[in-house]
Amino acid sequence: MSIIWTIIIGLVAGLIAKMLMPGRDPGGFIITILLGIVGAIVATYLGQAIGWYRADEGAGFIGAIVGAVILLAIYRLVRGRSAHS
């Protein structure tokens, strides 16, 4: 059940990341949501590795948003460069 909550939080985090970083995304709305989900999952496992969360805890909502924003920024850099090449 923990992974389902992480995905739901990631979905919302992806939407908020899109609002925090307006502009055209190379992949569109669906990619932004997927990056939010991946951001939440990465934030969960990174937080557990660092010791911020216990093994049975997921990333907090703020951590998921930060993870989503970072992944969205990296995605824009990578896709932007490959689109111009």
C-alpha atoms as a PDB file:
ATOM      1  CA  MET A   1       0.000   0.000   0.000  1.00  0.00           C
ATOM      2  CA  SER A   2       2.975   2.286   0.604  1.00  0.00           C
ATOM      3  CA  ILE A   3       3.942   2.355  -3.079  1.00  0.00           C
ATOM      4  CA  ILE A   4       0.385   3.326  -4.039  1.00  0.00           C
ATOM      5  CA  TRP A   5       0.489   6.349  -1.719  1.00  0.00           C
ATOM      6  CA  THR A   6       3.909   7.264  -3.113  1.00  0.00           C
ATOM      7  CA  ILE A   7       2.450   7.186  -6.644  1.00  0.00           C
ATOM      8  CA  ILE A   8      -0.568   9.290  -5.637  1.00  0.00           C
ATOM      9  CA  ILE A   9       1.657  11.830  -3.884  1.00  0.00           C
ATOM     10  CA  GLY A  10       3.947  11.809  -6.930  1.00  0.00           C
ATOM     11  CA  LEU A  11       1.018  12.500  -9.222  1.00  0.00           C
ATOM     12  CA  VAL A  12       0.036  15.564  -7.214  1.00  0.00           C
ATOM     13  CA  ALA A  13       3.697  16.575  -6.854  1.00  0.00           C
ATOM     14  CA  GLY A  14       4.092  16.430 -10.646  1.00  0.00           C
ATOM     15  CA  LEU A  15       1.127  18.749 -11.082  1.00  0.00           C
ATOM     16  CA  ILE A  16       2.539  21.194  -8.530  1.00  0.00           C
ATOM     17  CA  ALA A  17       6.008  20.983 -10.115  1.00  0.00           C
ATOM     18  CA  LYS A  18       4.417  21.944 -13.434  1.00  0.00           C
ATOM     19  CA  MET A  19       2.806  24.978 -11.763  1.00  0.00           C
ATOM     20  CA  LEU A  20       6.102  25.958 -10.119  1.00  0.00           C
ATOM     21  CA  MET A  21       8.022  25.625 -13.378  1.00  0.00           C
ATOM     22  CA  PRO A  22       5.728  26.997 -16.074  1.00  0.00           C
ATOM     23  CA  GLY A  23       6.678  26.812 -19.693  1.00  0.00           C
ATOM     24  CA  ARG A  24       6.656  24.341 -22.499  1.00  0.00           C
ATOM     25  CA  ASP A  25       7.860  20.895 -21.617  1.00  0.00           C
ATOM     26  CA  PRO A  26       9.279  18.739 -24.381  1.00  0.00           C
ATOM     27  CA  GLY A  27       7.144  15.799 -23.239  1.00  0.00           C
ATOM     28  CA  GLY A  28       3.945  17.526 -22.224  1.00  0.00           C
ATOM     29  CA  PHE A  29       1.563  16.987 -19.338  1.00  0.00           C
ATOM     30  CA  ILE A  30       1.830  13.195 -19.061  1.00  0.00           C
ATOM     31  CA  ILE A  31       5.636  13.270 -18.864  1.00  0.00           C
ATOM     32  CA  THR A  32       5.426  15.908 -16.126  1.00  0.00           C
ATOM     33  CA  ILE A  33       3.123  13.675 -14.082  1.00  0.00           C
ATOM     34  CA  LEU A  34       5.389  10.668 -14.640  1.00  0.00           C
ATOM     35  CA  LEU A  35       8.379  12.730 -13.523  1.00  0.00           C
ATOM     36  CA  GLY A  36       6.420  13.642 -10.398  1.00  0.00           C
ATOM     37  CA  ILE A  37       5.785   9.986  -9.631  1.00  0.00           C
ATOM     38  CA  VAL A  38       9.439   9.098 -10.225  1.00  0.00           C
ATOM     39  CA  GLY A  39      10.472  12.127  -8.147  1.00  0.00           C
ATOM     40  CA  ALA A  40       8.375  10.904  -5.230  1.00  0.00           C
ATOM     41  CA  ILE A  41       9.812   7.400  -5.499  1.00  0.00           C
ATOM     42  CA  VAL A  42      13.385   8.719  -5.722  1.00  0.00           C
ATOM     43  CA  ALA A  43      12.762  11.071  -2.787  1.00  0.00           C
ATOM     44  CA  THR A  44      11.411   8.143  -0.761  1.00  0.00           C
ATOM     45  CA  TYR A  45      14.391   5.880  -1.364  1.00  0.00           C
ATOM     46  CA  LEU A  46      16.951   8.675  -1.077  1.00  0.00           C
ATOM     47  CA  GLY A  47      15.352   9.853   2.175  1.00  0.00           C
ATOM     48  CA  GLN A  48      15.446   6.308   3.524  1.00  0.00           C
ATOM     49  CA  ALA A  49      19.099   5.912   2.516  1.00  0.00           C
ATOM     50  CA  ILE A  50      20.056   9.194   4.205  1.00  0.00           C
ATOM     51  CA  GLY A  51      18.028   8.334   7.281  1.00  0.00           C
ATOM     52  CA  TRP A  52      15.304  10.989   6.983  1.00  0.00           C
ATOM     53  CA  TYR A  53      12.593   8.324   6.729  1.00  0.00           C
ATOM     54  CA  ARG A  54      12.198   4.860   8.233  1.00  0.00           C
ATOM     55  CA  ALA A  55      12.041   1.858   5.913  1.00  0.00           C
ATOM     56  CA  ASP A  56       8.244   1.822   6.047  1.00  0.00           C
ATOM     57  CA  GLU A  57       7.834   5.579   5.513  1.00  0.00           C
ATOM     58  CA  GLY A  58       7.398   7.365   2.221  1.00  0.00           C
ATOM     59  CA  ALA A  59       8.710  10.753   1.254  1.00  0.00           C
ATOM     60  CA  GLY A  60       6.864  13.708   2.578  1.00  0.00           C
ATOM     61  CA  PHE A  61       4.831  15.829   0.244  1.00  0.00           C
ATOM     62  CA  ILE A  62       7.456  18.587   0.155  1.00  0.00           C
ATOM     63  CA  GLY A  63      10.197  16.038  -0.592  1.00  0.00           C
ATOM     64  CA  ALA A  64       8.151  14.657  -3.467  1.00  0.00           C
ATOM     65  CA  ILE A  65       7.643  18.141  -4.908  1.00  0.00           C
ATOM     66  CA  VAL A  66      11.352  18.931  -4.626  1.00  0.00           C
ATOM     67  CA  GLY A  67      12.195  15.616  -6.320  1.00  0.00           C
ATOM     68  CA  ALA A  68       9.707  16.319  -9.104  1.00  0.00           C
ATOM     69  CA  VAL A  69      11.016  19.851  -9.695  1.00  0.00           C
ATOM     70  CA  ILE A  70      14.613  18.605  -9.844  1.00  0.00           C
ATOM     71  CA  LEU A  71      13.728  15.816 -12.283  1.00  0.00           C
ATOM     72  CA  LEU A  72      11.672  18.217 -14.420  1.00  0.00           C
ATOM     73  CA  ALA A  73      14.601  20.648 -14.598  1.00  0.00           C
ATOM     74  CA  ILE A  74      17.001  17.846 -15.565  1.00  0.00           C
ATOM     75  CA  TYR A  75      14.521  16.539 -18.132  1.00  0.00           C
ATOM     76  CA  ARG A  76      14.162  19.994 -19.704  1.00  0.00           C
ATOM     77  CA  LEU A  77      17.939  20.337 -19.946  1.00  0.00           C
ATOM     78  CA  VAL A  78      18.424  16.925 -21.525  1.00  0.00           C
ATOM     79  CA  ARG A  79      15.458  17.129 -23.919  1.00  0.00           C
ATOM     80  CA  GLY A  80      16.199  20.745 -24.803  1.00  0.00           C
ATOM     81  CA  ARG A  81      19.748  19.909 -25.834  1.00  0.00           C
ATOM     82  CA  SER A  82      18.765  16.865 -27.863  1.00  0.00           C
ATOM     83  CA  ALA A  83      15.991  18.804 -29.641  1.00  0.00           C
ATOM     84  CA  HIS A  84      18.491  21.441 -30.800  1.00  0.00           C
ATOM     85  CA  SER A  85      21.070  18.927 -31.988  1.00  0.00           C
END
